[in-house]
N, C-alpha and C. Protein backbone atom coordinates (compact mmCIF):
# COMPACT_ATOMS: atom_id res chain seq x y z
N MET A 1 0.72 -0.91 0.18
CA MET A 1 -0.01 0.00 0.06
C MET A 1 0.76 1.26 -0.06
N LYS A 2 0.55 2.44 -0.54
CA LYS A 2 1.16 3.24 -1.00
C LYS A 2 0.51 4.55 -0.09
N PHE A 3 1.29 5.07 0.49
CA PHE A 3 1.21 6.46 1.44
C PHE A 3 1.36 7.44 1.01
N PRO A 4 0.34 8.16 0.80
CA PRO A 4 0.66 9.75 0.44
C PRO A 4 1.76 10.42 1.16
N ALA A 5 2.34 11.36 0.06
CA ALA A 5 3.86 11.97 0.58
C ALA A 5 3.47 12.97 1.63
N LYS A 6 4.06 13.07 2.69
CA LYS A 6 3.65 13.98 3.75
C LYS A 6 3.85 15.59 3.21
N LYS A 7 3.13 16.50 3.18
CA LYS A 7 3.62 18.02 2.87
C LYS A 7 4.46 18.58 4.01
N LYS A 8 5.46 19.15 3.82
CA LYS A 8 5.99 19.72 4.23
C LYS A 8 5.48 21.23 4.60
N LYS A 9 5.53 21.61 6.06
CA LYS A 9 4.51 22.79 6.37
C LYS A 9 6.01 23.78 6.22
N SER A 10 5.32 24.94 6.18
CA SER A 10 6.22 26.16 5.47
C SER A 10 6.55 26.82 6.90
N ALA A 11 7.84 27.28 7.06
CA ALA A 11 8.54 27.77 8.22
C ALA A 11 8.20 29.07 8.23
N GLU A 12 7.63 29.98 7.46
CA GLU A 12 7.69 31.41 7.06
C GLU A 12 6.43 31.87 7.95
N ILE A 13 6.59 32.93 8.38
CA ILE A 13 5.30 33.91 8.81
C ILE A 13 4.51 34.74 7.72
N PRO A 14 3.18 34.38 7.92
CA PRO A 14 2.30 35.29 6.72
C PRO A 14 2.61 36.70 7.02
N THR A 15 2.78 37.32 6.14
CA THR A 15 2.95 38.93 6.26
C THR A 15 2.20 39.98 5.50
N ALA A 16 1.08 39.11 4.97
CA ALA A 16 0.07 39.85 4.21
C ALA A 16 -0.62 40.86 5.11
N SER A 17 -0.66 40.76 6.15
CA SER A 17 -1.70 41.71 7.24
C SER A 17 -0.70 42.33 8.21
N MET A 18 0.52 42.63 7.93
CA MET A 18 1.75 42.74 8.74
C MET A 18 1.65 44.64 8.66
N SER A 19 1.37 44.79 7.42
CA SER A 19 1.57 46.36 7.37
C SER A 19 0.05 46.96 7.83
N ASP A 20 -1.13 46.36 7.83
CA ASP A 20 -1.90 46.41 8.42
C ASP A 20 -1.84 46.94 9.86
N ILE A 21 -1.36 46.06 10.72
CA ILE A 21 -0.99 46.02 12.06
C ILE A 21 -0.27 46.97 12.37
N ALA A 22 0.48 47.01 11.63
CA ALA A 22 1.99 48.25 11.66
C ALA A 22 1.17 49.60 11.84
N PHE A 23 0.19 49.89 10.65
CA PHE A 23 -0.36 51.04 10.44
C PHE A 23 -1.03 51.08 12.00
N LEU A 24 -2.03 50.09 12.26
CA LEU A 24 -2.85 50.57 13.54
C LEU A 24 -2.24 50.93 14.85
N LEU A 25 -0.82 50.24 14.75
CA LEU A 25 -0.11 50.37 15.47
C LEU A 25 0.31 52.04 16.09
N ILE A 26 0.92 52.54 14.66
CA ILE A 26 1.45 54.04 14.56
C ILE A 26 -0.10 55.09 14.81
N VAL A 27 -0.83 54.46 14.30
CA VAL A 27 -2.22 55.56 14.76
C VAL A 27 -2.60 55.41 16.12
N PHE A 28 -2.59 54.13 16.65
CA PHE A 28 -3.03 54.21 18.19
C PHE A 28 -1.92 55.30 18.97
N PHE A 29 -0.56 54.86 18.70
CA PHE A 29 0.49 55.32 19.69
C PHE A 29 0.36 57.19 19.38
N MET A 30 0.01 57.57 17.86
CA MET A 30 -0.26 58.59 17.51
C MET A 30 -1.52 59.29 18.46
N ALA A 31 -2.17 58.62 18.64
CA ALA A 31 -3.66 59.44 19.33
C ALA A 31 -3.61 59.10 20.78
N VAL A 32 -2.93 58.09 21.26
CA VAL A 32 -2.78 58.18 22.69
C VAL A 32 -1.51 58.86 23.33
N GLY A 33 -0.49 58.98 22.34
CA GLY A 33 0.64 59.41 22.94
C GLY A 33 0.45 60.96 23.44
N LYS A 34 1.43 61.74 24.08
CA LYS A 34 1.60 63.03 24.48
C LYS A 34 2.79 63.55 23.98
N PHE A 35 2.52 64.68 23.10
CA PHE A 35 3.46 65.47 22.48
C PHE A 35 4.07 66.55 23.41
N ASP A 36 5.30 66.60 23.86
CA ASP A 36 5.84 67.91 24.54
C ASP A 36 6.57 68.84 23.56
N ASN A 37 5.70 69.88 23.62
CA ASN A 37 6.72 70.92 22.90
C ASN A 37 7.03 71.94 23.59
N LYS A 38 8.59 72.00 24.11
CA LYS A 38 9.10 73.09 25.03
C LYS A 38 9.60 74.07 24.37
N GLN A 39 9.47 74.29 23.17
CA GLN A 39 9.98 75.62 22.30
C GLN A 39 9.07 76.65 22.52
N GLY A 40 9.35 78.08 22.08
CA GLY A 40 8.88 79.09 22.36
C GLY A 40 8.99 79.72 23.39
N ILE A 41 8.22 80.96 23.40
CA ILE A 41 8.30 82.09 24.55
C ILE A 41 7.25 81.78 25.53
N PRO A 42 7.28 81.78 26.90
CA PRO A 42 6.11 81.63 27.81
C PRO A 42 5.96 82.87 27.97
N TYR A 43 5.33 83.67 27.39
CA TYR A 43 5.06 84.99 27.35
C TYR A 43 3.31 85.43 27.08
N GLN A 44 2.83 85.74 28.17
CA GLN A 44 1.17 85.78 28.18
C GLN A 44 0.85 87.38 27.24
N ILE A 45 0.04 87.09 26.52
CA ILE A 45 -0.34 88.36 25.86
C ILE A 45 -1.89 88.50 26.36
N SER A 46 -2.30 89.93 26.33
CA SER A 46 -3.55 90.16 27.09
C SER A 46 -4.31 89.86 25.91
N ALA A 47 -5.47 89.67 26.54
CA ALA A 47 -6.83 89.21 25.60
C ALA A 47 -7.19 90.32 24.66
N PRO A 48 -7.53 90.00 23.28
CA PRO A 48 -7.99 91.46 22.39
C PRO A 48 -9.25 91.97 23.26
N ALA A 49 -9.01 93.40 23.09
CA ALA A 49 -10.31 94.23 23.44
C ALA A 49 -11.40 94.11 22.41
N GLN A 50 -12.71 94.66 23.00
CA GLN A 50 -13.81 94.58 21.81
C GLN A 50 -13.44 95.92 21.27
N GLU A 51 -14.22 96.19 20.22
CA GLU A 51 -14.06 97.35 19.21
C GLU A 51 -14.15 98.60 19.94
N GLU A 52 -15.70 98.73 20.67
CA GLU A 52 -15.81 99.88 21.43
C GLU A 52 -15.04 100.13 22.33
N GLN A 53 -14.46 99.54 23.21
CA GLN A 53 -13.02 99.57 24.23
C GLN A 53 -11.99 100.15 23.30
N GLN A 54 -11.55 99.71 22.30
CA GLN A 54 -10.74 99.69 21.52
C GLN A 54 -10.77 101.39 21.22
N GLN A 55 -12.05 101.83 20.92
CA GLN A 55 -11.99 103.30 20.34
C GLN A 55 -12.02 104.14 21.65
N GLU A 56 -12.42 103.42 22.52
CA GLU A 56 -12.57 104.94 23.71
C GLU A 56 -10.90 104.74 24.27
N GLN A 57 -10.28 103.85 23.87
CA GLN A 57 -8.92 103.42 24.33
C GLN A 57 -7.65 103.97 23.70
N ASP A 58 -7.84 105.00 22.76
CA ASP A 58 -6.89 105.34 21.91
C ASP A 58 -5.78 105.98 22.78
N VAL A 59 -4.66 105.51 22.46
CA VAL A 59 -3.44 106.05 23.66
C VAL A 59 -2.75 106.85 22.36
N ILE A 60 -2.30 108.30 22.87
CA ILE A 60 -1.40 109.23 22.32
C ILE A 60 -0.16 108.86 22.97
N LEU A 61 0.73 108.26 22.03
CA LEU A 61 2.18 107.91 23.13
C LEU A 61 3.09 108.97 23.02
N ASP A 62 3.60 109.33 23.95
CA ASP A 62 4.60 110.39 24.30
C ASP A 62 5.95 110.12 23.75
N ARG A 63 6.34 110.63 22.73
CA ARG A 63 7.62 110.61 22.35
C ARG A 63 8.75 110.26 23.25
N GLN A 64 8.80 111.16 24.57
CA GLN A 64 9.61 111.08 25.68
C GLN A 64 9.63 109.56 26.17
N ASN A 65 8.60 109.25 26.05
CA ASN A 65 8.39 107.90 26.84
C ASN A 65 8.90 106.44 25.79
N LEU A 66 9.20 106.73 24.73
CA LEU A 66 9.62 105.84 23.43
C LEU A 66 10.89 105.37 23.21
N VAL A 67 11.12 104.39 23.20
CA VAL A 67 12.71 103.88 22.80
C VAL A 67 12.55 103.03 21.53
N GLU A 68 13.16 103.58 20.76
CA GLU A 68 13.04 102.65 19.35
C GLU A 68 14.62 101.92 19.43
N ILE A 69 14.07 100.35 19.14
CA ILE A 69 15.60 99.76 19.13
C ILE A 69 15.43 98.72 17.33
N GLU A 70 16.16 99.42 16.66
CA GLU A 70 16.42 98.81 15.48
C GLU A 70 17.27 97.54 15.48
N VAL A 71 16.91 96.48 14.80
CA VAL A 71 17.55 95.17 14.90
C VAL A 71 18.01 94.85 13.42
N TRP A 72 18.88 94.48 13.20
CA TRP A 72 19.57 93.99 11.78
C TRP A 72 20.61 92.76 11.84
N ASN A 73 21.12 92.44 10.66
CA ASN A 73 21.86 91.30 10.57
C ASN A 73 23.32 92.06 10.24
N GLU A 74 24.49 91.60 10.86
CA GLU A 74 25.70 92.55 10.41
C GLU A 74 25.87 92.01 8.99
N ALA A 75 26.76 92.67 8.06
CA ALA A 75 26.75 92.55 6.95
C ALA A 75 27.97 91.30 6.63
N GLY A 76 27.06 90.56 5.93
CA GLY A 76 27.75 89.26 5.41
C GLY A 76 27.49 88.08 6.66
N THR A 77 27.06 88.36 7.84
CA THR A 77 27.04 87.23 8.72
C THR A 77 25.20 87.26 8.94
N LYS A 78 25.40 86.35 9.89
CA LYS A 78 23.83 86.26 10.55
C LYS A 78 24.14 86.84 12.09
N ASN A 79 25.35 87.86 12.49
CA ASN A 79 25.50 87.97 13.94
C ASN A 79 24.37 89.49 13.83
N VAL A 80 23.48 89.67 14.90
CA VAL A 80 22.39 90.34 15.00
C VAL A 80 22.96 91.53 15.74
N LEU A 81 23.05 92.83 15.41
CA LEU A 81 23.62 94.09 15.71
C LEU A 81 21.97 94.64 15.96
N CYS A 82 21.84 95.48 17.19
CA CYS A 82 21.30 96.71 17.56
C CYS A 82 21.56 98.08 17.77
N GLU A 83 20.70 98.94 17.49
CA GLU A 83 21.04 100.29 17.66
C GLU A 83 19.37 101.03 18.20
N TYR A 84 19.84 101.52 19.33
CA TYR A 84 18.93 102.37 20.16
C TYR A 84 18.54 104.01 20.05
N PHE A 85 17.46 104.11 19.69
CA PHE A 85 17.41 106.04 19.71
C PHE A 85 15.96 106.17 20.73
N VAL A 86 16.50 107.33 21.16
CA VAL A 86 15.45 108.11 22.13
C VAL A 86 15.31 109.50 21.64
N TYR A 87 14.16 109.94 22.17
CA TYR A 87 13.47 111.42 21.98
C TYR A 87 13.88 112.43 23.01
N ASP A 88 14.30 113.56 22.85
CA ASP A 88 14.21 114.47 23.93
C ASP A 88 13.43 115.54 24.05
N GLU A 89 13.30 116.60 25.00
CA GLU A 89 12.15 117.10 25.22
C GLU A 89 11.21 118.32 24.27
N ASN A 90 11.98 117.88 22.88
CA ASN A 90 11.42 118.70 21.96
C ASN A 90 11.09 117.86 20.64
N ASP A 91 11.08 116.56 21.29
CA ASP A 91 10.28 115.45 20.08
C ASP A 91 11.36 115.15 19.11
N VAL A 92 12.63 115.33 19.63
CA VAL A 92 13.73 115.36 18.38
C VAL A 92 14.59 113.95 18.85
N LYS A 93 14.56 112.98 17.84
CA LYS A 93 15.25 111.74 18.06
C LYS A 93 16.69 112.10 18.10
N GLN A 94 17.49 111.40 19.02
CA GLN A 94 18.65 111.61 19.09
C GLN A 94 19.66 110.34 18.56
N ASP A 95 20.90 110.97 18.06
CA ASP A 95 21.74 109.78 17.61
C ASP A 95 21.56 108.63 18.43
N GLY A 96 21.64 107.46 17.60
CA GLY A 96 21.74 106.09 17.92
C GLY A 96 22.85 105.43 18.75
N VAL A 97 22.88 104.75 19.32
CA VAL A 97 23.73 103.83 19.92
C VAL A 97 24.08 102.36 19.56
N LYS A 98 25.03 101.75 18.83
CA LYS A 98 24.94 100.69 18.35
C LYS A 98 25.59 99.86 19.39
N PHE A 99 24.97 98.46 19.32
CA PHE A 99 25.37 97.42 20.45
C PHE A 99 25.05 95.97 19.81
N ARG A 100 25.73 94.93 20.83
CA ARG A 100 25.10 93.69 20.27
C ARG A 100 24.04 93.37 21.11
N VAL A 101 23.53 92.22 20.88
CA VAL A 101 22.45 91.80 21.56
C VAL A 101 22.55 91.48 23.00
N ASN A 102 23.71 90.95 23.37
CA ASN A 102 24.24 90.64 24.63
C ASN A 102 24.38 91.87 25.58
N GLU A 103 24.99 92.56 24.95
CA GLU A 103 24.97 94.30 25.81
C GLU A 103 23.84 94.92 26.04
N LEU A 104 22.72 93.96 25.65
CA LEU A 104 21.26 95.19 26.32
C LEU A 104 21.62 95.52 27.31
N GLY A 105 21.39 94.79 28.29
CA GLY A 105 21.32 95.22 29.59
C GLY A 105 22.34 96.32 30.27
N LYS A 106 23.59 96.52 29.77
CA LYS A 106 24.55 97.32 30.06
C LYS A 106 24.49 98.55 29.43
N GLN A 107 23.06 98.84 28.46
CA GLN A 107 23.00 100.11 27.82
C GLN A 107 22.17 101.05 28.63
N MET A 108 22.16 102.26 28.23
CA MET A 108 21.68 103.36 29.00
C MET A 108 19.71 103.20 29.13
N ILE A 109 19.50 102.73 28.04
CA ILE A 109 17.78 102.37 28.12
C ILE A 109 17.57 101.66 29.13
N LYS A 110 18.33 100.94 29.89
CA LYS A 110 17.70 100.18 30.74
C LYS A 110 17.25 101.01 31.94
N ASP A 111 18.30 102.03 32.22
CA ASP A 111 17.75 102.78 33.20
C ASP A 111 16.60 103.81 32.86
N LYS A 112 16.73 104.25 31.56
CA LYS A 112 15.58 105.01 31.63
C LYS A 112 14.13 104.19 31.54
N VAL A 113 13.83 102.92 31.08
CA VAL A 113 12.90 102.11 31.47
C VAL A 113 12.51 101.66 32.55
N GLU A 114 13.72 101.38 33.23
CA GLU A 114 13.41 100.99 35.05
C GLU A 114 12.88 102.74 35.52
N LYS A 115 13.45 103.65 35.15
CA LYS A 115 13.01 104.90 35.98
C LYS A 115 11.73 105.59 35.31
N ASN A 116 10.95 105.19 34.28
CA ASN A 116 9.93 105.67 33.78
C ASN A 116 8.85 104.33 33.46
N PRO A 117 8.05 104.01 34.28
CA PRO A 117 7.06 102.88 33.98
C PRO A 117 6.45 102.73 32.88
N ASP A 118 6.30 104.26 32.53
CA ASP A 118 5.38 104.45 31.02
C ASP A 118 6.02 104.08 29.53
N SER A 119 7.55 103.87 30.06
CA SER A 119 8.20 103.48 28.87
C SER A 119 7.68 102.55 27.61
N VAL A 120 7.72 102.72 26.37
CA VAL A 120 7.35 101.61 25.46
C VAL A 120 8.97 101.57 24.91
N ILE A 121 8.93 100.37 24.61
CA ILE A 121 10.14 99.63 23.58
C ILE A 121 9.71 99.64 22.15
N LYS A 122 9.90 100.14 21.16
CA LYS A 122 9.61 99.91 19.75
C LYS A 122 10.66 99.12 19.29
N LEU A 123 10.37 97.68 18.65
CA LEU A 123 11.43 96.98 17.95
C LEU A 123 11.15 97.08 16.53
N LYS A 124 12.21 97.70 15.88
CA LYS A 124 12.12 97.57 14.30
C LYS A 124 13.15 96.66 13.75
N ILE A 125 12.25 95.51 13.31
CA ILE A 125 13.53 94.36 12.97
C ILE A 125 13.29 94.54 11.20
N ASP A 126 14.76 93.96 10.78
CA ASP A 126 14.79 94.35 9.47
C ASP A 126 14.35 92.94 9.13
N ARG A 127 13.74 92.90 8.14
CA ARG A 127 12.99 91.66 7.29
C ARG A 127 14.15 90.40 7.16
N ASN A 128 15.33 90.83 6.92
CA ASN A 128 16.27 89.68 6.61
C ASN A 128 16.62 89.11 7.90
N VAL A 129 16.39 89.20 9.21
CA VAL A 129 16.75 88.94 10.48
C VAL A 129 15.91 87.86 10.61
N GLU A 130 16.48 86.62 11.00
CA GLU A 130 15.87 85.29 11.01
C GLU A 130 15.35 85.32 12.32
N TYR A 131 14.40 84.57 12.80
CA TYR A 131 13.27 84.40 13.69
C TYR A 131 14.28 84.09 15.03
N ARG A 132 15.12 83.53 14.89
CA ARG A 132 16.07 83.35 16.47
C ARG A 132 16.91 84.44 16.85
N GLY A 133 17.05 85.53 15.66
CA GLY A 133 17.58 87.08 15.95
C GLY A 133 16.98 87.57 16.87
N PHE A 134 15.39 87.54 16.55
CA PHE A 134 14.27 88.49 17.12
C PHE A 134 13.72 87.95 18.54
N ILE A 135 13.93 86.32 18.35
CA ILE A 135 13.66 86.09 19.85
C ILE A 135 14.90 86.48 21.03
N SER A 136 16.32 86.03 20.21
CA SER A 136 17.11 86.93 21.04
C SER A 136 17.13 88.24 21.90
N VAL A 137 16.66 88.82 20.94
CA VAL A 137 16.59 90.46 21.64
C VAL A 137 15.50 90.33 22.32
N PHE A 138 14.61 89.93 22.12
CA PHE A 138 13.16 89.32 22.85
C PHE A 138 13.41 89.08 24.35
N ASP A 139 14.46 87.85 24.20
CA ASP A 139 14.57 87.45 25.41
C ASP A 139 15.49 88.11 26.28
N GLU A 140 16.58 89.03 25.62
CA GLU A 140 17.33 89.81 26.43
C GLU A 140 16.77 91.15 27.14
N LEU A 141 15.41 91.42 26.55
CA LEU A 141 14.45 92.11 27.36
C LEU A 141 13.97 91.84 28.23
N ARG A 142 13.56 90.76 28.15
CA ARG A 142 13.03 89.84 29.05
C ARG A 142 13.69 89.86 30.10
N TYR A 143 14.91 89.29 30.03
CA TYR A 143 15.78 89.04 31.19
C TYR A 143 16.36 89.99 32.00
N ASN A 144 16.27 91.49 31.26
CA ASN A 144 16.46 92.61 31.78
C ASN A 144 15.57 93.29 32.12
N LYS A 145 14.34 92.73 32.02
CA LYS A 145 13.10 92.95 32.79
C LYS A 145 12.57 94.57 32.31
N MET A 146 12.62 94.40 30.40
CA MET A 146 12.22 95.73 30.03
C MET A 146 10.99 95.11 29.33
N ALA A 147 10.72 94.43 29.11
CA ALA A 147 9.45 93.75 28.36
C ALA A 147 8.14 93.94 28.56
N LYS A 148 8.13 95.05 29.37
CA LYS A 148 6.51 95.59 29.91
C LYS A 148 5.49 95.67 28.75
N LYS A 149 6.39 96.91 27.74
CA LYS A 149 5.51 97.46 26.75
C LYS A 149 6.29 97.19 25.66
N VAL A 150 5.92 96.37 24.72
CA VAL A 150 6.81 96.27 23.41
C VAL A 150 6.30 96.27 22.53
N LYS A 151 6.14 96.98 21.61
CA LYS A 151 5.92 96.99 20.24
C LYS A 151 6.62 96.51 18.93
N PHE A 152 6.22 95.80 17.73
CA PHE A 152 6.96 94.77 17.19
C PHE A 152 6.57 95.46 15.58
N GLU A 153 7.67 96.08 14.77
CA GLU A 153 7.43 96.23 13.68
C GLU A 153 8.35 95.76 12.55
N ARG A 154 8.04 95.48 11.51
CA ARG A 154 8.94 94.71 10.55
C ARG A 154 9.47 95.83 9.47
N HIS A 155 10.58 95.94 9.26
CA HIS A 155 11.07 97.01 8.12
C HIS A 155 11.91 96.39 7.39
N TYR A 156 12.09 97.44 6.21
CA TYR A 156 13.37 97.13 5.43
C TYR A 156 14.42 98.14 5.90
N LEU A 157 15.58 97.95 6.76
CA LEU A 157 16.28 98.74 7.49
C LEU A 157 17.53 98.68 6.05
N ASN A 158 18.09 100.00 5.78
CA ASN A 158 19.08 100.13 5.29
C ASN A 158 20.43 100.20 5.94
N LYS A 159 20.90 99.24 6.51
CA LYS A 159 22.03 99.09 7.51
C LYS A 159 23.41 98.69 6.63
């Protein structure tokens, strides 16, 4: 009597549904996982006022309380340079003082801002300055406790 030949069982794992399982695992961990984003500036911005309140609270800024800081890149590099301007009693813009970002706390404007609680810092940022350059200036303002009232503008500065 002749016996049928035994079929050898395959030793491989079926992979037809492996990609489906991997996709489901990825979706599961994306849905359940927590992404920590620790970058950015922890700076609280006040809520926007309603239109009626904005019209009633138009502020006339006294130029004697204004400090302008121009920010641009040093020629041919990505080093950030700054120059600050203040106004005298006759609203005449005084000559600027150039400095590097890390020297911000050593400048005379720190004394002016500390003495006058109504002072406003107006940052004029060149369009060619990278985001990290702007952030470094803002961080220096915060570190030196001068970032109470800051206004931002983007310009094409001819430096």
